[in-house]
Amino acid sequence: MAATLEETQYDLVTFMDDLPHLEAAARISVITVIASVNELSNGIDLIKEEINIMKNLQIKQQNDYFIKNMEVILLRIFLILLYNFFFKK
C-alpha cells in the first residue's frame, strides 16, 4: 500500500514537509495570541483617539499634514500587523 501511495500520491507521503512551522505553532497558546491581538488593537485605538482629539482642536495651522500623515501611517501599521499575523511564515 505504501509503495502504491508513493507512486500515485507522492504529495500525501511528503505533506509533513509542507508544514515546517506546525510544531512551533502548536506550542503557542490561543490565550497568548488573543492577548497579543487585543494589546495591538488597544494601541491602535489609542492612536485613533489621539488623532481625533487633534482633529477637534481649534488651532489648525496651514500646511500642517501631521494628522493626515498619522492616519496613513496608522493604516500601514495595521496592515503590516495583519499581514505578519496571518501570512508571515
N, C-alpha and C. Protein backbone atom coordinates (compact mmCIF):
# COMPACT_ATOMS: atom_id res chain seq x y z
N MET A 1 0.83 -1.19 0.00
CA MET A 1 0.00 0.00 0.00
C MET A 1 0.88 1.26 0.00
N ALA A 2 1.95 1.25 0.79
CA ALA A 2 2.84 2.41 0.85
C ALA A 2 3.50 2.66 -0.49
N ALA A 3 3.89 1.59 -1.19
CA ALA A 3 4.53 1.74 -2.50
C ALA A 3 3.56 2.34 -3.51
N THR A 4 2.32 1.87 -3.48
CA THR A 4 1.29 2.40 -4.40
C THR A 4 1.03 3.87 -4.10
N LEU A 5 0.93 4.18 -2.84
CA LEU A 5 0.69 5.56 -2.45
C LEU A 5 1.86 6.45 -2.87
N GLU A 6 3.07 5.93 -2.72
CA GLU A 6 4.25 6.70 -3.11
C GLU A 6 4.29 6.95 -4.61
N GLU A 7 3.82 6.01 -5.38
CA GLU A 7 3.82 6.15 -6.84
C GLU A 7 2.69 7.06 -7.33
N THR A 8 1.53 6.95 -6.72
CA THR A 8 0.36 7.66 -7.24
C THR A 8 0.06 8.98 -6.52
N GLN A 9 0.34 9.05 -5.25
CA GLN A 9 0.01 10.24 -4.45
C GLN A 9 1.21 10.66 -3.61
N TYR A 10 2.33 10.95 -4.26
CA TYR A 10 3.56 11.27 -3.54
C TYR A 10 3.41 12.49 -2.64
N ASP A 11 2.57 13.42 -3.04
CA ASP A 11 2.37 14.62 -2.22
C ASP A 11 1.75 14.30 -0.86
N LEU A 12 0.99 13.19 -0.77
CA LEU A 12 0.45 12.79 0.52
C LEU A 12 1.53 12.20 1.43
N VAL A 13 2.52 11.56 0.83
CA VAL A 13 3.61 10.96 1.59
C VAL A 13 4.48 12.05 2.22
N THR A 14 4.66 13.14 1.50
CA THR A 14 5.57 14.19 1.96
C THR A 14 4.84 15.43 2.49
N PHE A 15 3.58 15.32 2.82
CA PHE A 15 2.83 16.51 3.23
C PHE A 15 3.39 17.15 4.50
N MET A 16 4.03 16.38 5.36
CA MET A 16 4.61 16.95 6.57
C MET A 16 5.76 17.91 6.25
N ASP A 17 6.41 17.73 5.12
CA ASP A 17 7.46 18.66 4.71
C ASP A 17 6.90 20.04 4.40
N ASP A 18 5.62 20.10 4.07
CA ASP A 18 4.96 21.38 3.76
C ASP A 18 4.54 22.13 5.03
N LEU A 19 4.74 21.52 6.18
CA LEU A 19 4.30 22.11 7.44
C LEU A 19 5.47 22.31 8.41
N PRO A 20 6.51 23.05 8.01
CA PRO A 20 7.69 23.16 8.87
C PRO A 20 7.44 23.92 10.17
N HIS A 21 6.42 24.75 10.23
CA HIS A 21 6.17 25.57 11.42
C HIS A 21 5.07 24.99 12.31
N LEU A 22 4.60 23.81 11.97
CA LEU A 22 3.48 23.23 12.70
C LEU A 22 3.81 22.98 14.17
N GLU A 23 4.98 22.42 14.44
CA GLU A 23 5.35 22.12 15.82
C GLU A 23 5.47 23.39 16.66
N ALA A 24 6.12 24.41 16.09
CA ALA A 24 6.26 25.67 16.82
C ALA A 24 4.89 26.33 17.03
N ALA A 25 4.05 26.26 16.03
CA ALA A 25 2.71 26.87 16.14
C ALA A 25 1.86 26.15 17.19
N ALA A 26 2.06 24.87 17.32
CA ALA A 26 1.29 24.10 18.30
C ALA A 26 1.63 24.49 19.72
N ARG A 27 2.83 25.04 19.94
CA ARG A 27 3.25 25.44 21.28
C ARG A 27 2.70 26.80 21.70
N ILE A 28 2.16 27.54 20.75
CA ILE A 28 1.63 28.88 21.06
C ILE A 28 0.22 28.73 21.61
N SER A 29 -0.01 29.35 22.72
CA SER A 29 -1.31 29.27 23.35
C SER A 29 -2.29 30.24 22.69
N VAL A 30 -3.50 29.80 22.53
CA VAL A 30 -4.55 30.65 21.95
C VAL A 30 -4.77 31.88 22.83
N ILE A 31 -4.67 31.69 24.13
CA ILE A 31 -4.85 32.81 25.06
C ILE A 31 -3.77 33.86 24.83
N THR A 32 -2.54 33.43 24.58
CA THR A 32 -1.44 34.36 24.33
C THR A 32 -1.68 35.13 23.03
N VAL A 33 -2.12 34.44 22.00
CA VAL A 33 -2.39 35.09 20.72
C VAL A 33 -3.51 36.12 20.88
N ILE A 34 -4.57 35.74 21.55
CA ILE A 34 -5.69 36.66 21.76
C ILE A 34 -5.24 37.88 22.56
N ALA A 35 -4.43 37.66 23.60
CA ALA A 35 -3.94 38.77 24.41
C ALA A 35 -3.08 39.72 23.57
N SER A 36 -2.24 39.15 22.70
CA SER A 36 -1.39 39.99 21.84
C SER A 36 -2.22 40.80 20.87
N VAL A 37 -3.20 40.17 20.27
CA VAL A 37 -4.07 40.88 19.32
C VAL A 37 -4.84 41.98 20.04
N ASN A 38 -5.33 41.70 21.23
CA ASN A 38 -6.06 42.72 22.00
C ASN A 38 -5.16 43.89 22.36
N GLU A 39 -3.92 43.60 22.73
CA GLU A 39 -2.97 44.66 23.07
C GLU A 39 -2.69 45.54 21.86
N LEU A 40 -2.49 44.92 20.70
CA LEU A 40 -2.27 45.70 19.48
C LEU A 40 -3.50 46.53 19.14
N SER A 41 -4.66 45.94 19.28
CA SER A 41 -5.91 46.65 18.99
C SER A 41 -6.09 47.84 19.92
N ASN A 42 -5.78 47.66 21.20
CA ASN A 42 -5.90 48.77 22.16
C ASN A 42 -4.94 49.90 21.81
N GLY A 43 -3.73 49.55 21.39
CA GLY A 43 -2.76 50.57 20.99
C GLY A 43 -3.23 51.35 19.78
N ILE A 44 -3.79 50.66 18.82
CA ILE A 44 -4.32 51.32 17.63
C ILE A 44 -5.49 52.22 18.00
N ASP A 45 -6.34 51.77 18.91
CA ASP A 45 -7.47 52.59 19.36
C ASP A 45 -6.99 53.87 20.04
N LEU A 46 -5.92 53.77 20.83
CA LEU A 46 -5.37 54.96 21.48
C LEU A 46 -4.85 55.96 20.45
N ILE A 47 -4.18 55.46 19.44
CA ILE A 47 -3.67 56.35 18.39
C ILE A 47 -4.83 57.02 17.65
N LYS A 48 -5.87 56.26 17.35
CA LYS A 48 -7.05 56.83 16.69
C LYS A 48 -7.67 57.93 17.55
N GLU A 49 -7.75 57.66 18.85
CA GLU A 49 -8.33 58.64 19.77
C GLU A 49 -7.50 59.93 19.79
N GLU A 50 -6.18 59.79 19.82
CA GLU A 50 -5.32 60.96 19.79
C GLU A 50 -5.47 61.74 18.49
N ILE A 51 -5.61 61.05 17.38
CA ILE A 51 -5.82 61.72 16.09
C ILE A 51 -7.13 62.49 16.11
N ASN A 52 -8.19 61.88 16.64
CA ASN A 52 -9.48 62.57 16.71
C ASN A 52 -9.43 63.80 17.61
N ILE A 53 -8.70 63.70 18.72
CA ILE A 53 -8.55 64.87 19.60
C ILE A 53 -7.85 66.00 18.85
N MET A 54 -6.80 65.66 18.13
CA MET A 54 -6.07 66.68 17.38
C MET A 54 -6.93 67.29 16.28
N LYS A 55 -7.79 66.47 15.67
CA LYS A 55 -8.69 67.00 14.63
C LYS A 55 -9.66 68.02 15.21
N ASN A 56 -10.08 67.79 16.44
CA ASN A 56 -11.08 68.65 17.06
C ASN A 56 -10.51 69.91 17.70
N LEU A 57 -9.20 70.00 17.79
CA LEU A 57 -8.60 71.20 18.34
C LEU A 57 -8.89 72.39 17.42
N GLN A 58 -9.10 73.53 18.02
CA GLN A 58 -9.43 74.72 17.25
C GLN A 58 -8.22 75.29 16.51
N ILE A 59 -7.05 75.07 17.07
CA ILE A 59 -5.84 75.64 16.46
C ILE A 59 -5.37 74.72 15.34
N LYS A 60 -5.46 75.22 14.14
CA LYS A 60 -5.00 74.45 12.98
C LYS A 60 -4.09 75.35 12.17
N GLN A 61 -2.95 74.83 11.87
CA GLN A 61 -2.01 75.62 11.09
C GLN A 61 -2.10 75.21 9.63
N GLN A 62 -1.88 76.19 8.79
CA GLN A 62 -1.87 75.93 7.37
C GLN A 62 -0.64 75.08 7.04
N ASN A 63 -0.78 74.19 6.08
CA ASN A 63 0.30 73.29 5.66
C ASN A 63 0.72 72.32 6.76
N ASP A 64 -0.15 72.03 7.69
CA ASP A 64 0.14 71.06 8.73
C ASP A 64 -0.48 69.73 8.32
N TYR A 65 0.35 68.79 7.96
CA TYR A 65 -0.12 67.49 7.47
C TYR A 65 0.06 66.38 8.49
N PHE A 66 0.26 66.74 9.75
CA PHE A 66 0.52 65.75 10.78
C PHE A 66 -0.61 64.73 10.88
N ILE A 67 -1.84 65.22 11.01
CA ILE A 67 -2.98 64.32 11.20
C ILE A 67 -3.15 63.41 9.98
N LYS A 68 -3.11 64.00 8.82
CA LYS A 68 -3.27 63.22 7.60
C LYS A 68 -2.18 62.15 7.50
N ASN A 69 -0.94 62.53 7.78
CA ASN A 69 0.16 61.57 7.71
C ASN A 69 0.04 60.49 8.77
N MET A 70 -0.40 60.85 9.96
CA MET A 70 -0.56 59.86 11.03
C MET A 70 -1.64 58.85 10.69
N GLU A 71 -2.71 59.30 10.04
CA GLU A 71 -3.76 58.37 9.63
C GLU A 71 -3.23 57.36 8.61
N VAL A 72 -2.42 57.82 7.69
CA VAL A 72 -1.82 56.93 6.69
C VAL A 72 -0.86 55.95 7.36
N ILE A 73 -0.04 56.47 8.27
CA ILE A 73 0.91 55.61 8.99
C ILE A 73 0.17 54.57 9.81
N LEU A 74 -0.90 54.97 10.48
CA LEU A 74 -1.69 54.04 11.28
C LEU A 74 -2.26 52.93 10.42
N LEU A 75 -2.79 53.27 9.28
CA LEU A 75 -3.33 52.27 8.36
C LEU A 75 -2.23 51.31 7.90
N ARG A 76 -1.07 51.84 7.57
CA ARG A 76 0.04 50.99 7.15
C ARG A 76 0.48 50.04 8.25
N ILE A 77 0.58 50.56 9.46
CA ILE A 77 0.97 49.71 10.59
C ILE A 77 -0.04 48.60 10.79
N PHE A 78 -1.31 48.95 10.73
CA PHE A 78 -2.37 47.96 10.90
C PHE A 78 -2.28 46.87 9.83
N LEU A 79 -2.07 47.27 8.58
CA LEU A 79 -1.97 46.29 7.50
C LEU A 79 -0.74 45.40 7.65
N ILE A 80 0.37 45.99 8.08
CA ILE A 80 1.59 45.20 8.30
C ILE A 80 1.37 44.19 9.42
N LEU A 81 0.73 44.62 10.49
CA LEU A 81 0.45 43.70 11.60
C LEU A 81 -0.45 42.57 11.16
N LEU A 82 -1.48 42.88 10.39
CA LEU A 82 -2.36 41.83 9.89
C LEU A 82 -1.61 40.85 8.99
N TYR A 83 -0.80 41.39 8.10
CA TYR A 83 -0.03 40.53 7.20
C TYR A 83 0.91 39.62 7.99
N ASN A 84 1.64 40.21 8.93
CA ASN A 84 2.58 39.41 9.72
C ASN A 84 1.88 38.37 10.58
N PHE A 85 0.70 38.69 11.07
CA PHE A 85 -0.03 37.77 11.92
C PHE A 85 -0.59 36.58 11.13
N PHE A 86 -1.12 36.85 9.93
CA PHE A 86 -1.78 35.79 9.18
C PHE A 86 -0.95 35.12 8.09
N PHE A 87 0.03 35.83 7.54
CA PHE A 87 0.71 35.29 6.37
C PHE A 87 2.21 35.07 6.53
N LYS A 88 2.84 35.68 7.49
CA LYS A 88 4.28 35.57 7.66
C LYS A 88 4.61 34.17 8.18
N LYS A 89 5.58 33.55 7.56
CA LYS A 89 5.95 32.19 7.98
C LYS A 89 7.27 32.19 8.67
